[in-house]
Amino acid sequence: MAKTLNVRISDDIEKRLEDLSLKTKRPKSFYIKDMLEKYLAEYEDAFLALERLNKKNAKYYTSDEVKKTLEL
């Protein structure tokens, strides 16, 4: 089931979105949904990476250690 989301955007972004919408004859919502679909996964991945970096028991390796372990 589709949901509605209200978002505040700057005047500049609204103008750019409006211009794009008029030029392409597509609704602004088309571009908003498209951007969310394309970039949400990237934000999720970034958050997951940050979460892993902040783990107390995380072990970090230097590039030399990785090369040695992988025999590169």
C-alpha atoms as a PDB file:
ATOM      1  CA  MET A   1       0.000   0.000   0.000  1.00  0.00           C
ATOM      2  CA  ALA A   2       1.391   3.417  -0.971  1.00  0.00           C
ATOM      3  CA  LYS A   3       2.013   6.032   1.715  1.00  0.00           C
ATOM      4  CA  THR A   4       2.173   9.822   1.529  1.00  0.00           C
ATOM      5  CA  LEU A   5       5.200  11.693   2.860  1.00  0.00           C
ATOM      6  CA  ASN A   6       5.437  15.451   3.378  1.00  0.00           C
ATOM      7  CA  VAL A   7       8.919  16.942   3.055  1.00  0.00           C
ATOM      8  CA  ARG A   8      10.211  20.503   3.319  1.00  0.00           C
ATOM      9  CA  ILE A   9      12.705  21.438   0.633  1.00  0.00           C
ATOM     10  CA  SER A  10      14.568  24.653  -0.094  1.00  0.00           C
ATOM     11  CA  ASP A  11      13.283  27.101  -2.674  1.00  0.00           C
ATOM     12  CA  ASP A  12      16.276  26.317  -4.883  1.00  0.00           C
ATOM     13  CA  ILE A  13      15.589  22.585  -4.924  1.00  0.00           C
ATOM     14  CA  GLU A  14      11.899  23.165  -5.537  1.00  0.00           C
ATOM     15  CA  LYS A  15      12.732  25.422  -8.511  1.00  0.00           C
ATOM     16  CA  ARG A  16      15.107  22.872  -9.995  1.00  0.00           C
ATOM     17  CA  LEU A  17      12.578  20.094  -9.511  1.00  0.00           C
ATOM     18  CA  GLU A  18       9.818  22.213 -11.049  1.00  0.00           C
ATOM     19  CA  ASP A  19      12.010  23.056 -14.070  1.00  0.00           C
ATOM     20  CA  LEU A  20      12.868  19.405 -14.593  1.00  0.00           C
ATOM     21  CA  SER A  21       9.235  18.436 -14.272  1.00  0.00           C
ATOM     22  CA  LEU A  22       8.119  21.000 -16.847  1.00  0.00           C
ATOM     23  CA  LYS A  23      10.877  20.081 -19.314  1.00  0.00           C
ATOM     24  CA  THR A  24      10.176  16.365 -19.128  1.00  0.00           C
ATOM     25  CA  LYS A  25       6.405  16.512 -18.624  1.00  0.00           C
ATOM     26  CA  ARG A  26       6.672  14.202 -15.637  1.00  0.00           C
ATOM     27  CA  PRO A  27       5.334  14.968 -12.161  1.00  0.00           C
ATOM     28  CA  LYS A  28       7.748  16.072  -9.460  1.00  0.00           C
ATOM     29  CA  SER A  29       6.700  13.034  -7.424  1.00  0.00           C
ATOM     30  CA  PHE A  30       8.126  10.793 -10.164  1.00  0.00           C
ATOM     31  CA  TYR A  31      11.600  12.224  -9.581  1.00  0.00           C
ATOM     32  CA  ILE A  32      11.315  12.190  -5.795  1.00  0.00           C
ATOM     33  CA  LYS A  33      10.349   8.493  -5.808  1.00  0.00           C
ATOM     34  CA  ASP A  34      13.083   7.680  -8.331  1.00  0.00           C
ATOM     35  CA  MET A  35      15.747   9.416  -6.234  1.00  0.00           C
ATOM     36  CA  LEU A  36      14.614   7.665  -3.066  1.00  0.00           C
ATOM     37  CA  GLU A  37      14.691   4.276  -4.759  1.00  0.00           C
ATOM     38  CA  LYS A  38      18.171   4.887  -6.177  1.00  0.00           C
ATOM     39  CA  TYR A  39      19.836   6.400  -3.121  1.00  0.00           C
ATOM     40  CA  LEU A  40      18.130   4.833  -0.112  1.00  0.00           C
ATOM     41  CA  ALA A  41      20.224   1.675  -0.432  1.00  0.00           C
ATOM     42  CA  GLU A  42      23.409   3.776  -0.443  1.00  0.00           C
ATOM     43  CA  TYR A  43      22.388   5.522   2.771  1.00  0.00           C
ATOM     44  CA  GLU A  44      21.530   2.171   4.363  1.00  0.00           C
ATOM     45  CA  ASP A  45      24.941   0.771   3.360  1.00  0.00           C
ATOM     46  CA  ALA A  46      26.741   3.835   4.714  1.00  0.00           C
ATOM     47  CA  PHE A  47      24.902   3.568   8.029  1.00  0.00           C
ATOM     48  CA  LEU A  48      25.714  -0.134   8.276  1.00  0.00           C
ATOM     49  CA  ALA A  49      29.402   0.564   7.601  1.00  0.00           C
ATOM     50  CA  LEU A  50      29.457   3.301  10.235  1.00  0.00           C
ATOM     51  CA  GLU A  51      27.694   1.021  12.689  1.00  0.00           C
ATOM     52  CA  ARG A  52      30.327  -1.672  12.118  1.00  0.00           C
ATOM     53  CA  LEU A  53      33.174   0.831  12.522  1.00  0.00           C
ATOM     54  CA  ASN A  54      31.790   1.892  15.879  1.00  0.00           C
ATOM     55  CA  LYS A  55      31.552  -1.633  17.313  1.00  0.00           C
ATOM     56  CA  LYS A  56      33.632  -1.984  20.461  1.00  0.00           C
ATOM     57  CA  ASN A  57      35.204  -5.296  19.437  1.00  0.00           C
ATOM     58  CA  ALA A  58      35.897  -4.294  15.839  1.00  0.00           C
ATOM     59  CA  LYS A  59      39.325  -5.261  14.547  1.00  0.00           C
ATOM     60  CA  TYR A  60      41.028  -3.045  12.006  1.00  0.00           C
ATOM     61  CA  TYR A  61      43.748  -4.053   9.576  1.00  0.00           C
ATOM     62  CA  THR A  62      46.321  -1.984   7.759  1.00  0.00           C
ATOM     63  CA  SER A  63      46.611  -2.431   4.021  1.00  0.00           C
ATOM     64  CA  ASP A  64      49.972  -4.170   4.593  1.00  0.00           C
ATOM     65  CA  GLU A  65      48.331  -6.664   6.959  1.00  0.00           C
ATOM     66  CA  VAL A  66      45.609  -7.394   4.412  1.00  0.00           C
ATOM     67  CA  LYS A  67      48.153  -7.875   1.634  1.00  0.00           C
ATOM     68  CA  LYS A  68      50.183 -10.230   3.815  1.00  0.00           C
ATOM     69  CA  THR A  69      47.110 -12.244   4.853  1.00  0.00           C
ATOM     70  CA  LEU A  70      45.919 -12.528   1.263  1.00  0.00           C
ATOM     71  CA  GLU A  71      49.470 -13.172   0.009  1.00  0.00           C
ATOM     72  CA  LEU A  72      49.336 -10.327  -2.485  1.00  0.00           C
END
